[in-house]
Amino acid sequence: MIAPIEDMPAGTLGFRASGRVSRDDLSVVLPPIREALDRGEKLRLLFEIDPDFDGLAPGAAWKDLKADIELGLGHHAAWERLAVVSDLDWVRRAIGLFSWMAPGELRLFGESELEGAKAWVAA
């Protein structure tokens, strides 16, 4: 499941992932990102990964890959900051391995650093 984080600083978007993320869950994330791009805004996003996060369902993984190509490559210059908040070891390792591929600046925060992550993504 993906849900928006309501108390994000102005000019930022935040999302919380928990459990198993389905293809339909990505409809929570993609429209606000596309709307920000249509307005010509820089993207400053925060993704909080809950301890019970169980990854992407196969259909969600494919949709996510297509969105990464469209939004990442097609709008590479729009990505300014991306904060990932998680204490899950496998998420932290994956970020460490693949962060070089992320557009913009990417920073990893622990769960206790959520407020600091919000401040950083908004700075």
PDB file of N, CA and C in Angstrom:
ATOM      1  N   MET A   1       0.838  -1.170   0.000  1.00  0.00           N
ATOM      2  CA  MET A   1       0.000   0.000   0.000  1.00  0.00           C
ATOM      3  C   MET A   1       0.890   1.243   0.000  1.00  0.00           C
ATOM      4  N   ILE A   2       0.486   2.243  -0.730  1.00  0.00           N
ATOM      5  CA  ILE A   2       1.160   3.536  -0.724  1.00  0.00           C
ATOM      6  C   ILE A   2       0.143   4.597  -0.344  1.00  0.00           C
ATOM      7  N   ALA A   3       0.560   5.466   0.565  1.00  0.00           N
ATOM      8  CA  ALA A   3      -0.307   6.564   0.996  1.00  0.00           C
ATOM      9  C   ALA A   3       0.495   7.854   0.984  1.00  0.00           C
ATOM     10  N   PRO A   4      -0.169   8.968   0.649  1.00  0.00           N
ATOM     11  CA  PRO A   4       0.544  10.248   0.711  1.00  0.00           C
ATOM     12  C   PRO A   4       0.841  10.622   2.164  1.00  0.00           C
ATOM     13  N   ILE A   5       1.930  11.324   2.371  1.00  0.00           N
ATOM     14  CA  ILE A   5       2.240  11.899   3.679  1.00  0.00           C
ATOM     15  C   ILE A   5       1.708  13.331   3.630  1.00  0.00           C
ATOM     16  N   GLU A   6       0.745  13.611   4.472  1.00  0.00           N
ATOM     17  CA  GLU A   6       0.017  14.875   4.397  1.00  0.00           C
ATOM     18  C   GLU A   6       0.791  16.077   4.930  1.00  0.00           C
ATOM     19  N   ASP A   7       1.656  15.893   5.903  1.00  0.00           N
ATOM     20  CA  ASP A   7       2.309  17.038   6.557  1.00  0.00           C
ATOM     21  C   ASP A   7       3.702  17.318   5.994  1.00  0.00           C
ATOM     22  N   MET A   8       3.797  17.329   4.671  1.00  0.00           N
ATOM     23  CA  MET A   8       5.068  17.620   4.009  1.00  0.00           C
ATOM     24  C   MET A   8       5.248  19.130   3.857  1.00  0.00           C
ATOM     25  N   PRO A   9       6.505  19.588   3.836  1.00  0.00           N
ATOM     26  CA  PRO A   9       6.757  21.019   3.597  1.00  0.00           C
ATOM     27  C   PRO A   9       6.277  21.446   2.211  1.00  0.00           C
ATOM     28  N   ALA A  10       6.009  22.727   2.066  1.00  0.00           N
ATOM     29  CA  ALA A  10       5.573  23.265   0.774  1.00  0.00           C
ATOM     30  C   ALA A  10       6.611  22.958  -0.303  1.00  0.00           C
ATOM     31  N   GLY A  11       6.128  22.622  -1.492  1.00  0.00           N
ATOM     32  CA  GLY A  11       7.009  22.349  -2.621  1.00  0.00           C
ATOM     33  C   GLY A  11       7.588  20.948  -2.641  1.00  0.00           C
ATOM     34  N   THR A  12       7.102  20.077  -1.766  1.00  0.00           N
ATOM     35  CA  THR A  12       7.593  18.699  -1.706  1.00  0.00           C
ATOM     36  C   THR A  12       6.424  17.724  -1.777  1.00  0.00           C
ATOM     37  N   LEU A  13       6.738  16.492  -2.107  1.00  0.00           N
ATOM     38  CA  LEU A  13       5.762  15.403  -2.082  1.00  0.00           C
ATOM     39  C   LEU A  13       6.311  14.303  -1.196  1.00  0.00           C
ATOM     40  N   GLY A  14       5.444  13.642  -0.461  1.00  0.00           N
ATOM     41  CA  GLY A  14       5.862  12.547   0.402  1.00  0.00           C
ATOM     42  C   GLY A  14       4.903  11.383   0.308  1.00  0.00           C
ATOM     43  N   PHE A  15       5.464  10.171   0.374  1.00  0.00           N
ATOM     44  CA  PHE A  15       4.672   8.948   0.278  1.00  0.00           C
ATOM     45  C   PHE A  15       5.204   7.922   1.266  1.00  0.00           C
ATOM     46  N   ARG A  16       4.291   7.115   1.811  1.00  0.00           N
ATOM     47  CA  ARG A  16       4.646   6.057   2.747  1.00  0.00           C
ATOM     48  C   ARG A  16       4.232   4.717   2.140  1.00  0.00           C
ATOM     49  N   ALA A  17       5.189   3.796   2.058  1.00  0.00           N
ATOM     50  CA  ALA A  17       4.921   2.458   1.511  1.00  0.00           C
ATOM     51  C   ALA A  17       4.911   1.453   2.649  1.00  0.00           C
ATOM     52  N   SER A  18       3.905   0.578   2.628  1.00  0.00           N
ATOM     53  CA  SER A  18       3.812  -0.478   3.632  1.00  0.00           C
ATOM     54  C   SER A  18       3.207  -1.713   2.984  1.00  0.00           C
ATOM     55  N   GLY A  19       3.451  -2.853   3.602  1.00  0.00           N
ATOM     56  CA  GLY A  19       2.915  -4.098   3.070  1.00  0.00           C
ATOM     57  C   GLY A  19       3.406  -4.373   1.663  1.00  0.00           C
ATOM     58  N   ARG A  20       2.576  -5.008   0.867  1.00  0.00           N
ATOM     59  CA  ARG A  20       2.901  -5.331  -0.526  1.00  0.00           C
ATOM     60  C   ARG A  20       2.300  -4.254  -1.424  1.00  0.00           C
ATOM     61  N   VAL A  21       3.099  -3.657  -2.268  1.00  0.00           N
ATOM     62  CA  VAL A  21       2.635  -2.586  -3.142  1.00  0.00           C
ATOM     63  C   VAL A  21       2.132  -3.196  -4.451  1.00  0.00           C
ATOM     64  N   SER A  22       0.879  -2.892  -4.775  1.00  0.00           N
ATOM     65  CA  SER A  22       0.264  -3.421  -5.994  1.00  0.00           C
ATOM     66  C   SER A  22       0.392  -2.408  -7.123  1.00  0.00           C
ATOM     67  N   ARG A  23       0.042  -2.846  -8.298  1.00  0.00           N
ATOM     68  CA  ARG A  23       0.048  -1.965  -9.470  1.00  0.00           C
ATOM     69  C   ARG A  23      -0.861  -0.759  -9.250  1.00  0.00           C
ATOM     70  N   ASP A  24      -2.026  -0.981  -8.663  1.00  0.00           N
ATOM     71  CA  ASP A  24      -2.976   0.107  -8.419  1.00  0.00           C
ATOM     72  C   ASP A  24      -2.443   1.130  -7.418  1.00  0.00           C
ATOM     73  N   ASP A  25      -1.588   0.695  -6.492  1.00  0.00           N
ATOM     74  CA  ASP A  25      -1.035   1.618  -5.505  1.00  0.00           C
ATOM     75  C   ASP A  25      -0.190   2.710  -6.145  1.00  0.00           C
ATOM     76  N   LEU A  26       0.399   2.410  -7.286  1.00  0.00           N
ATOM     77  CA  LEU A  26       1.244   3.412  -7.939  1.00  0.00           C
ATOM     78  C   LEU A  26       0.431   4.604  -8.449  1.00  0.00           C
ATOM     79  N   SER A  27      -0.898   4.445  -8.537  1.00  0.00           N
ATOM     80  CA  SER A  27      -1.739   5.568  -8.947  1.00  0.00           C
ATOM     81  C   SER A  27      -1.780   6.661  -7.875  1.00  0.00           C
ATOM     82  N   VAL A  28      -1.307   6.359  -6.681  1.00  0.00           N
ATOM     83  CA  VAL A  28      -1.196   7.367  -5.626  1.00  0.00           C
ATOM     84  C   VAL A  28       0.032   8.245  -5.873  1.00  0.00           C
ATOM     85  N   VAL A  29       1.087   7.663  -6.429  1.00  0.00           N
ATOM     86  CA  VAL A  29       2.371   8.342  -6.594  1.00  0.00           C
ATOM     87  C   VAL A  29       2.487   9.066  -7.935  1.00  0.00           C
ATOM     88  N   LEU A  30       2.140   8.406  -9.002  1.00  0.00           N
ATOM     89  CA  LEU A  30       2.422   8.935 -10.334  1.00  0.00           C
ATOM     90  C   LEU A  30       1.666  10.212 -10.694  1.00  0.00           C
ATOM     91  N   PRO A  31       0.361  10.335 -10.437  1.00  0.00           N
ATOM     92  CA  PRO A  31      -0.338  11.585 -10.813  1.00  0.00           C
ATOM     93  C   PRO A  31       0.236  12.850 -10.163  1.00  0.00           C
ATOM     94  N   PRO A  32       0.520  12.859  -8.842  1.00  0.00           N
ATOM     95  CA  PRO A  32       1.089  14.094  -8.275  1.00  0.00           C
ATOM     96  C   PRO A  32       2.456  14.451  -8.858  1.00  0.00           C
ATOM     97  N   ILE A  33       3.249  13.437  -9.188  1.00  0.00           N
ATOM     98  CA  ILE A  33       4.553  13.696  -9.801  1.00  0.00           C
ATOM     99  C   ILE A  33       4.359  14.285 -11.193  1.00  0.00           C
ATOM    100  N   ARG A  34       3.465  13.694 -11.975  1.00  0.00           N
ATOM    101  CA  ARG A  34       3.207  14.218 -13.321  1.00  0.00           C
ATOM    102  C   ARG A  34       2.639  15.640 -13.264  1.00  0.00           C
ATOM    103  N   GLU A  35       1.767  15.912 -12.307  1.00  0.00           N
ATOM    104  CA  GLU A  35       1.191  17.259 -12.160  1.00  0.00           C
ATOM    105  C   GLU A  35       2.282  18.279 -11.836  1.00  0.00           C
ATOM    106  N   ALA A  36       3.195  17.923 -10.944  1.00  0.00           N
ATOM    107  CA  ALA A  36       4.302  18.827 -10.605  1.00  0.00           C
ATOM    108  C   ALA A  36       5.171  19.083 -11.833  1.00  0.00           C
ATOM    109  N   LEU A  37       5.432  18.048 -12.605  1.00  0.00           N
ATOM    110  CA  LEU A  37       6.224  18.218 -13.825  1.00  0.00           C
ATOM    111  C   LEU A  37       5.499  19.106 -14.830  1.00  0.00           C
ATOM    112  N   ASP A  38       4.190  18.916 -14.975  1.00  0.00           N
ATOM    113  CA  ASP A  38       3.402  19.742 -15.899  1.00  0.00           C
ATOM    114  C   ASP A  38       3.424  21.216 -15.510  1.00  0.00           C
ATOM    115  N   ARG A  39       3.541  21.484 -14.206  1.00  0.00           N
ATOM    116  CA  ARG A  39       3.621  22.872 -13.729  1.00  0.00           C
ATOM    117  C   ARG A  39       5.047  23.419 -13.829  1.00  0.00           C
ATOM    118  N   GLY A  40       5.986  22.584 -14.265  1.00  0.00           N
ATOM    119  CA  GLY A  40       7.380  23.009 -14.399  1.00  0.00           C
ATOM    120  C   GLY A  40       8.143  23.058 -13.096  1.00  0.00           C
ATOM    121  N   GLU A  41       7.655  22.359 -12.088  1.00  0.00           N
ATOM    122  CA  GLU A  41       8.305  22.360 -10.781  1.00  0.00           C
ATOM    123  C   GLU A  41       9.469  21.380 -10.740  1.00  0.00           C
ATOM    124  N   LYS A  42      10.434  21.655  -9.865  1.00  0.00           N
ATOM    125  CA  LYS A  42      11.488  20.703  -9.550  1.00  0.00           C
ATOM    126  C   LYS A  42      10.887  19.667  -8.603  1.00  0.00           C
ATOM    127  N   LEU A  43      11.330  18.430  -8.727  1.00  0.00           N
ATOM    128  CA  LEU A  43      10.797  17.369  -7.885  1.00  0.00           C
ATOM    129  C   LEU A  43      11.646  17.204  -6.629  1.00  0.00           C
ATOM    130  N   ARG A  44      10.974  17.289  -5.502  1.00  0.00           N
ATOM    131  CA  ARG A  44      11.576  17.065  -4.188  1.00  0.00           C
ATOM    132  C   ARG A  44      10.654  16.086  -3.476  1.00  0.00           C
ATOM    133  N   LEU A  45      11.099  14.826  -3.425  1.00  0.00           N
ATOM    134  CA  LEU A  45      10.243  13.763  -2.916  1.00  0.00           C
ATOM    135  C   LEU A  45      10.852  13.071  -1.713  1.00  0.00           C
ATOM    136  N   LEU A  46       9.958  12.565  -0.864  1.00  0.00           N
ATOM    137  CA  LEU A  46      10.341  11.752   0.277  1.00  0.00           C
ATOM    138  C   LEU A  46       9.540  10.463   0.221  1.00  0.00           C
ATOM    139  N   PHE A  47      10.226   9.338   0.332  1.00  0.00           N
ATOM    140  CA  PHE A  47       9.582   8.037   0.421  1.00  0.00           C
ATOM    141  C   PHE A  47       9.936   7.427   1.758  1.00  0.00           C
ATOM    142  N   GLU A  48       8.913   7.168   2.571  1.00  0.00           N
ATOM    143  CA  GLU A  48       9.095   6.493   3.853  1.00  0.00           C
ATOM    144  C   GLU A  48       8.705   5.029   3.660  1.00  0.00           C
ATOM    145  N   ILE A  49       9.618   4.147   3.982  1.00  0.00           N
ATOM    146  CA  ILE A  49       9.389   2.708   3.817  1.00  0.00           C
ATOM    147  C   ILE A  49       9.164   2.107   5.194  1.00  0.00           C
ATOM    148  N   ASP A  50       7.920   1.706   5.481  1.00  0.00           N
ATOM    149  CA  ASP A  50       7.584   1.129   6.783  1.00  0.00           C
ATOM    150  C   ASP A  50       8.283  -0.209   7.001  1.00  0.00           C
ATOM    151  N   PRO A  51       8.484  -0.587   8.267  1.00  0.00           N
ATOM    152  CA  PRO A  51       9.152  -1.860   8.565  1.00  0.00           C
ATOM    153  C   PRO A  51       8.438  -3.087   7.995  1.00  0.00           C
ATOM    154  N   ASP A  52       7.118  -2.984   7.746  1.00  0.00           N
ATOM    155  CA  ASP A  52       6.385  -4.135   7.203  1.00  0.00           C
ATOM    156  C   ASP A  52       6.341  -4.152   5.673  1.00  0.00           C
ATOM    157  N   PHE A  53       7.083  -3.255   5.027  1.00  0.00           N
ATOM    158  CA  PHE A  53       7.118  -3.205   3.561  1.00  0.00           C
ATOM    159  C   PHE A  53       7.607  -4.542   3.023  1.00  0.00           C
ATOM    160  N   ASP A  54       6.857  -5.078   2.048  1.00  0.00           N
ATOM    161  CA  ASP A  54       7.142  -6.409   1.514  1.00  0.00           C
ATOM    162  C   ASP A  54       7.434  -6.379   0.014  1.00  0.00           C
ATOM    163  N   GLY A  55       7.765  -5.215  -0.512  1.00  0.00           N
ATOM    164  CA  GLY A  55       8.160  -5.113  -1.909  1.00  0.00           C
ATOM    165  C   GLY A  55       7.001  -4.864  -2.854  1.00  0.00           C
ATOM    166  N   LEU A  56       7.333  -4.937  -4.152  1.00  0.00           N
ATOM    167  CA  LEU A  56       6.368  -4.686  -5.216  1.00  0.00           C
ATOM    168  C   LEU A  56       5.822  -5.985  -5.772  1.00  0.00           C
ATOM    169  N   ALA A  57       4.518  -6.035  -5.980  1.00  0.00           N
ATOM    170  CA  ALA A  57       3.909  -7.151  -6.698  1.00  0.00           C
ATOM    171  C   ALA A  57       4.420  -7.107  -8.137  1.00  0.00           C
ATOM    172  N   PRO A  58       4.440  -8.237  -8.862  1.00  0.00           N
ATOM    173  CA  PRO A  58       4.986  -8.244 -10.229  1.00  0.00           C
ATOM    174  C   PRO A  58       4.395  -7.177 -11.154  1.00  0.00           C
ATOM    175  N   GLY A  59       3.103  -6.975 -11.144  1.00  0.00           N
ATOM    176  CA  GLY A  59       2.498  -5.952 -11.998  1.00  0.00           C
ATOM    177  C   GLY A  59       2.950  -4.556 -11.610  1.00  0.00           C
ATOM    178  N   ALA A  60       3.151  -4.330 -10.322  1.00  0.00           N
ATOM    179  CA  ALA A  60       3.619  -3.027  -9.852  1.00  0.00           C
ATOM    180  C   ALA A  60       5.066  -2.809 -10.261  1.00  0.00           C
ATOM    181  N   ALA A  61       5.858  -3.861 -10.232  1.00  0.00           N
ATOM    182  CA  ALA A  61       7.267  -3.735 -10.619  1.00  0.00           C
ATOM    183  C   ALA A  61       7.383  -3.306 -12.081  1.00  0.00           C
ATOM    184  N   TRP A  62       6.571  -3.888 -12.942  1.00  0.00           N
ATOM    185  CA  TRP A  62       6.610  -3.526 -14.364  1.00  0.00           C
ATOM    186  C   TRP A  62       6.150  -2.092 -14.576  1.00  0.00           C
ATOM    187  N   LYS A  63       5.045  -1.710 -13.926  1.00  0.00           N
ATOM    188  CA  LYS A  63       4.538  -0.340 -14.052  1.00  0.00           C
ATOM    189  C   LYS A  63       5.558   0.648 -13.503  1.00  0.00           C
ATOM    190  N   ASP A  64       6.224   0.284 -12.396  1.00  0.00           N
ATOM    191  CA  ASP A  64       7.238   1.140 -11.803  1.00  0.00           C
ATOM    192  C   ASP A  64       8.419   1.329 -12.756  1.00  0.00           C
ATOM    193  N   LEU A  65       8.831   0.274 -13.415  1.00  0.00           N
ATOM    194  CA  LEU A  65       9.935   0.364 -14.368  1.00  0.00           C
ATOM    195  C   LEU A  65       9.577   1.288 -15.525  1.00  0.00           C
ATOM    196  N   LYS A  66       8.366   1.140 -16.060  1.00  0.00           N
ATOM    197  CA  LYS A  66       7.942   2.021 -17.150  1.00  0.00           C
ATOM    198  C   LYS A  66       7.889   3.478 -16.695  1.00  0.00           C
ATOM    199  N   ALA A  67       7.396   3.712 -15.489  1.00  0.00           N
ATOM    200  CA  ALA A  67       7.332   5.075 -14.956  1.00  0.00           C
ATOM    201  C   ALA A  67       8.732   5.629 -14.730  1.00  0.00           C
ATOM    202  N   ASP A  68       9.661   4.788 -14.251  1.00  0.00           N
ATOM    203  CA  ASP A  68      11.041   5.231 -14.054  1.00  0.00           C
ATOM    204  C   ASP A  68      11.640   5.711 -15.358  1.00  0.00           C
ATOM    205  N   ILE A  69      11.391   4.989 -16.413  1.00  0.00           N
ATOM    206  CA  ILE A  69      11.933   5.374 -17.714  1.00  0.00           C
ATOM    207  C   ILE A  69      11.302   6.687 -18.183  1.00  0.00           C
ATOM    208  N   GLU A  70       9.976   6.770 -18.097  1.00  0.00           N
ATOM    209  CA  GLU A  70       9.274   7.971 -18.555  1.00  0.00           C
ATOM    210  C   GLU A  70       9.624   9.195 -17.709  1.00  0.00           C
ATOM    211  N   LEU A  71       9.523   9.063 -16.392  1.00  0.00           N
ATOM    212  CA  LEU A  71       9.706  10.212 -15.508  1.00  0.00           C
ATOM    213  C   LEU A  71      11.166  10.481 -15.191  1.00  0.00           C
ATOM    214  N   GLY A  72      11.965   9.440 -15.125  1.00  0.00           N
ATOM    215  CA  GLY A  72      13.371   9.613 -14.795  1.00  0.00           C
ATOM    216  C   GLY A  72      14.183  10.110 -15.963  1.00  0.00           C
ATOM    217  N   LEU A  73      14.110   9.408 -17.077  1.00  0.00           N
ATOM    218  CA  LEU A  73      14.894   9.796 -18.248  1.00  0.00           C
ATOM    219  C   LEU A  73      14.267  10.972 -18.979  1.00  0.00           C
ATOM    220  N   GLY A  74      12.956  10.958 -19.077  1.00  0.00           N
ATOM    221  CA  GLY A  74      12.274  12.016 -19.808  1.00  0.00           C
ATOM    222  C   GLY A  74      12.292  13.362 -19.107  1.00  0.00           C
ATOM    223  N   HIS A  75      12.493  13.350 -17.792  1.00  0.00           N
ATOM    224  CA  HIS A  75      12.475  14.593 -17.010  1.00  0.00           C
ATOM    225  C   HIS A  75      13.655  14.622 -16.042  1.00  0.00           C
ATOM    226  N   HIS A  76      14.787  14.134 -16.493  1.00  0.00           N
ATOM    227  CA  HIS A  76      15.964  13.988 -15.630  1.00  0.00           C
ATOM    228  C   HIS A  76      16.320  15.282 -14.900  1.00  0.00           C
ATOM    229  N   ALA A  77      16.284  16.399 -15.583  1.00  0.00           N
ATOM    230  CA  ALA A  77      16.682  17.678 -14.983  1.00  0.00           C
ATOM    231  C   ALA A  77      15.703  18.168 -13.917  1.00  0.00           C
ATOM    232  N   ALA A  78      14.480  17.652 -13.900  1.00  0.00           N
ATOM    233  CA  ALA A  78      13.482  18.102 -12.929  1.00  0.00           C
ATOM    234  C   ALA A  78      13.699  17.497 -11.540  1.00  0.00           C
ATOM    235  N   TRP A  79      14.409  16.384 -11.462  1.00  0.00           N
ATOM    236  CA  TRP A  79      14.615  15.704 -10.183  1.00  0.00           C
ATOM    237  C   TRP A  79      15.687  16.436  -9.392  1.00  0.00           C
ATOM    238  N   GLU A  80      15.285  16.997  -8.260  1.00  0.00           N
ATOM    239  CA  GLU A  80      16.228  17.759  -7.457  1.00  0.00           C
ATOM    240  C   GLU A  80      16.688  16.972  -6.232  1.00  0.00           C
ATOM    241  N   ARG A  81      15.744  16.539  -5.412  1.00  0.00           N
ATOM    242  CA  ARG A  81      16.107  15.799  -4.196  1.00  0.00           C
ATOM    243  C   ARG A  81      15.133  14.664  -3.949  1.00  0.00           C
ATOM    244  N   LEU A  82      15.689  13.546  -3.497  1.00  0.00           N
ATOM    245  CA  LEU A  82      14.894  12.375  -3.140  1.00  0.00           C
ATOM    246  C   LEU A  82      15.424  11.844  -1.821  1.00  0.00           C
ATOM    247  N   ALA A  83      14.569  11.840  -0.806  1.00  0.00           N
ATOM    248  CA  ALA A  83      14.916  11.291   0.503  1.00  0.00           C
ATOM    249  C   ALA A  83      14.203   9.952   0.661  1.00  0.00           C
ATOM    250  N   VAL A  84      14.928   8.943   1.104  1.00  0.00           N
ATOM    251  CA  VAL A  84      14.354   7.637   1.413  1.00  0.00           C
ATOM    252  C   VAL A  84      14.550   7.418   2.905  1.00  0.00           C
ATOM    253  N   VAL A  85      13.461   7.119   3.598  1.00  0.00           N
ATOM    254  CA  VAL A  85      13.493   6.913   5.044  1.00  0.00           C
ATOM    255  C   VAL A  85      13.169   5.455   5.324  1.00  0.00           C
ATOM    256  N   SER A  86      14.142   4.731   5.860  1.00  0.00           N
ATOM    257  CA  SER A  86      13.934   3.315   6.155  1.00  0.00           C
ATOM    258  C   SER A  86      15.049   2.784   7.046  1.00  0.00           C
ATOM    259  N   ASP A  87      14.692   1.838   7.903  1.00  0.00           N
ATOM    260  CA  ASP A  87      15.681   1.098   8.682  1.00  0.00           C
ATOM    261  C   ASP A  87      15.812  -0.342   8.187  1.00  0.00           C
ATOM    262  N   LEU A  88      15.060  -0.707   7.148  1.00  0.00           N
ATOM    263  CA  LEU A  88      15.141  -2.072   6.620  1.00  0.00           C
ATOM    264  C   LEU A  88      16.503  -2.276   5.964  1.00  0.00           C
ATOM    265  N   ASP A  89      17.220  -3.312   6.402  1.00  0.00           N
ATOM    266  CA  ASP A  89      18.565  -3.567   5.879  1.00  0.00           C
ATOM    267  C   ASP A  89      18.574  -3.742   4.374  1.00  0.00           C
ATOM    268  N   TRP A  90      17.620  -4.508   3.834  1.00  0.00           N
ATOM    269  CA  TRP A  90      17.651  -4.779   2.399  1.00  0.00           C
ATOM    270  C   TRP A  90      17.357  -3.519   1.583  1.00  0.00           C
ATOM    271  N   VAL A  91      16.528  -2.631   2.112  1.00  0.00           N
ATOM    272  CA  VAL A  91      16.257  -1.360   1.426  1.00  0.00           C
ATOM    273  C   VAL A  91      17.508  -0.493   1.459  1.00  0.00           C
ATOM    274  N   ARG A  92      18.163  -0.433   2.606  1.00  0.00           N
ATOM    275  CA  ARG A  92      19.372   0.381   2.749  1.00  0.00           C
ATOM    276  C   ARG A  92      20.481  -0.128   1.830  1.00  0.00           C
ATOM    277  N   ARG A  93      20.623  -1.444   1.719  1.00  0.00           N
ATOM    278  CA  ARG A  93      21.635  -2.018   0.810  1.00  0.00           C
ATOM    279  C   ARG A  93      21.292  -1.705  -0.641  1.00  0.00           C
ATOM    280  N   ALA A  94      20.021  -1.837  -1.005  1.00  0.00           N
ATOM    281  CA  ALA A  94      19.607  -1.556  -2.382  1.00  0.00           C
ATOM    282  C   ALA A  94      19.875  -0.095  -2.738  1.00  0.00           C
ATOM    283  N   ILE A  95      19.576   0.811  -1.824  1.00  0.00           N
ATOM    284  CA  ILE A  95      19.840   2.236  -2.065  1.00  0.00           C
ATOM    285  C   ILE A  95      21.344   2.447  -2.240  1.00  0.00           C
ATOM    286  N   GLY A  96      22.121   1.797  -1.408  1.00  0.00           N
ATOM    287  CA  GLY A  96      23.574   1.915  -1.521  1.00  0.00           C
ATOM    288  C   GLY A  96      24.099   1.424  -2.862  1.00  0.00           C
ATOM    289  N   LEU A  97      23.519   0.359  -3.377  1.00  0.00           N
ATOM    290  CA  LEU A  97      23.973  -0.213  -4.644  1.00  0.00           C
ATOM    291  C   LEU A  97      23.506   0.581  -5.863  1.00  0.00           C
ATOM    292  N   PHE A  98      22.285   1.089  -5.809  1.00  0.00           N
ATOM    293  CA  PHE A  98      21.681   1.678  -7.002  1.00  0.00           C
ATOM    294  C   PHE A  98      21.502   3.192  -6.949  1.00  0.00           C
ATOM    295  N   SER A  99      21.957   3.841  -5.900  1.00  0.00           N
ATOM    296  CA  SER A  99      21.738   5.284  -5.765  1.00  0.00           C
ATOM    297  C   SER A  99      22.401   6.088  -6.884  1.00  0.00           C
ATOM    298  N   TRP A 100      23.460   5.559  -7.453  1.00  0.00           N
ATOM    299  CA  TRP A 100      24.152   6.280  -8.532  1.00  0.00           C
ATOM    300  C   TRP A 100      23.270   6.439  -9.767  1.00  0.00           C
ATOM    301  N   MET A 101      22.239   5.615  -9.893  1.00  0.00           N
ATOM    302  CA  MET A 101      21.346   5.687 -11.045  1.00  0.00           C
ATOM    303  C   MET A 101      20.214   6.700 -10.849  1.00  0.00           C
ATOM    304  N   ALA A 102      20.021   7.165  -9.623  1.00  0.00           N
ATOM    305  CA  ALA A 102      18.904   8.066  -9.333  1.00  0.00           C
ATOM    306  C   ALA A 102      19.176   9.453  -9.890  1.00  0.00           C
ATOM    307  N   PRO A 103      18.171  10.048 -10.537  1.00  0.00           N
ATOM    308  CA  PRO A 103      18.353  11.439 -10.975  1.00  0.00           C
ATOM    309  C   PRO A 103      18.313  12.356  -9.762  1.00  0.00           C
ATOM    310  N   GLY A 104      19.026  13.440  -9.818  1.00  0.00           N
ATOM    311  CA  GLY A 104      19.041  14.373  -8.700  1.00  0.00           C
ATOM    312  C   GLY A 104      19.867  13.847  -7.542  1.00  0.00           C
ATOM    313  N   GLU A 105      19.703  14.484  -6.416  1.00  0.00           N
ATOM    314  CA  GLU A 105      20.442  14.125  -5.210  1.00  0.00           C
ATOM    315  C   GLU A 105      19.594  13.172  -4.371  1.00  0.00           C
ATOM    316  N   LEU A 106      20.178  12.065  -3.965  1.00  0.00           N
ATOM    317  CA  LEU A 106      19.485  11.044  -3.171  1.00  0.00           C
ATOM    318  C   LEU A 106      20.175  10.915  -1.830  1.00  0.00           C
ATOM    319  N   ARG A 107      19.372  10.869  -0.769  1.00  0.00           N
ATOM    320  CA  ARG A 107      19.932  10.688   0.570  1.00  0.00           C
ATOM    321  C   ARG A 107      19.060   9.717   1.349  1.00  0.00           C
ATOM    322  N   LEU A 108      19.709   8.850   2.111  1.00  0.00           N
ATOM    323  CA  LEU A 108      19.043   7.834   2.915  1.00  0.00           C
ATOM    324  C   LEU A 108      19.011   8.284   4.370  1.00  0.00           C
ATOM    325  N   PHE A 109      17.850   8.127   5.013  1.00  0.00           N
ATOM    326  CA  PHE A 109      17.660   8.502   6.408  1.00  0.00           C
ATOM    327  C   PHE A 109      17.093   7.310   7.175  1.00  0.00           C
ATOM    328  N   GLY A 110      17.396   7.224   8.452  1.00  0.00           N
ATOM    329  CA  GLY A 110      16.790   6.225   9.322  1.00  0.00           C
ATOM    330  C   GLY A 110      15.402   6.669   9.746  1.00  0.00           C
ATOM    331  N   GLU A 111      14.612   5.722  10.272  1.00  0.00           N
ATOM    332  CA  GLU A 111      13.234   6.037  10.683  1.00  0.00           C
ATOM    333  C   GLU A 111      13.171   7.158  11.712  1.00  0.00           C
ATOM    334  N   SER A 112      14.144   7.227  12.602  1.00  0.00           N
ATOM    335  CA  SER A 112      14.132   8.268  13.633  1.00  0.00           C
ATOM    336  C   SER A 112      14.482   9.639  13.060  1.00  0.00           C
ATOM    337  N   GLU A 113      14.875   9.703  11.788  1.00  0.00           N
ATOM    338  CA  GLU A 113      15.288  10.951  11.156  1.00  0.00           C
ATOM    339  C   GLU A 113      14.240  11.508  10.189  1.00  0.00           C
ATOM    340  N   LEU A 114      12.989  11.099  10.333  1.00  0.00           N
ATOM    341  CA  LEU A 114      11.940  11.513   9.401  1.00  0.00           C
ATOM    342  C   LEU A 114      11.830  13.032   9.303  1.00  0.00           C
ATOM    343  N   GLU A 115      11.815  13.728  10.415  1.00  0.00           N
ATOM    344  CA  GLU A 115      11.687  15.191  10.377  1.00  0.00           C
ATOM    345  C   GLU A 115      12.902  15.827   9.709  1.00  0.00           C
ATOM    346  N   GLY A 116      14.082  15.274   9.957  1.00  0.00           N
ATOM    347  CA  GLY A 116      15.289  15.771   9.286  1.00  0.00           C
ATOM    348  C   GLY A 116      15.236  15.518   7.792  1.00  0.00           C
ATOM    349  N   ALA A 117      14.662  14.387   7.383  1.00  0.00           N
ATOM    350  CA  ALA A 117      14.521  14.071   5.961  1.00  0.00           C
ATOM    351  C   ALA A 117      13.563  15.072   5.289  1.00  0.00           C
ATOM    352  N   LYS A 118      12.481  15.412   5.976  1.00  0.00           N
ATOM    353  CA  LYS A 118      11.549  16.402   5.435  1.00  0.00           C
ATOM    354  C   LYS A 118      12.236  17.753   5.266  1.00  0.00           C
ATOM    355  N   ALA A 119      13.012  18.142   6.246  1.00  0.00           N
ATOM    356  CA  ALA A 119      13.717  19.425   6.167  1.00  0.00           C
ATOM    357  C   ALA A 119      14.741  19.411   5.033  1.00  0.00           C
ATOM    358  N   TRP A 120      15.470  18.309   4.889  1.00  0.00           N
ATOM    359  CA  TRP A 120      16.497  18.216   3.842  1.00  0.00           C
ATOM    360  C   TRP A 120      15.865  18.279   2.459  1.00  0.00           C
ATOM    361  N   VAL A 121      14.782  17.528   2.255  1.00  0.00           N
ATOM    362  CA  VAL A 121      14.166  17.486   0.921  1.00  0.00           C
ATOM    363  C   VAL A 121      13.586  18.850   0.553  1.00  0.00           C
ATOM    364  N   ALA A 122      13.203  19.644   1.547  1.00  0.00           N
ATOM    365  CA  ALA A 122      12.621  20.967   1.300  1.00  0.00           C
ATOM    366  C   ALA A 122      13.673  22.064   1.144  1.00  0.00           C
ATOM    367  N   ALA A 123      14.895  21.804   1.587  1.00  0.00           N
ATOM    368  CA  ALA A 123      15.956  22.842   1.593  1.00  0.00           C
ATOM    369  C   ALA A 123      16.374  23.223   0.187  1.00  0.00           C
TER     370      ALA A 123
END
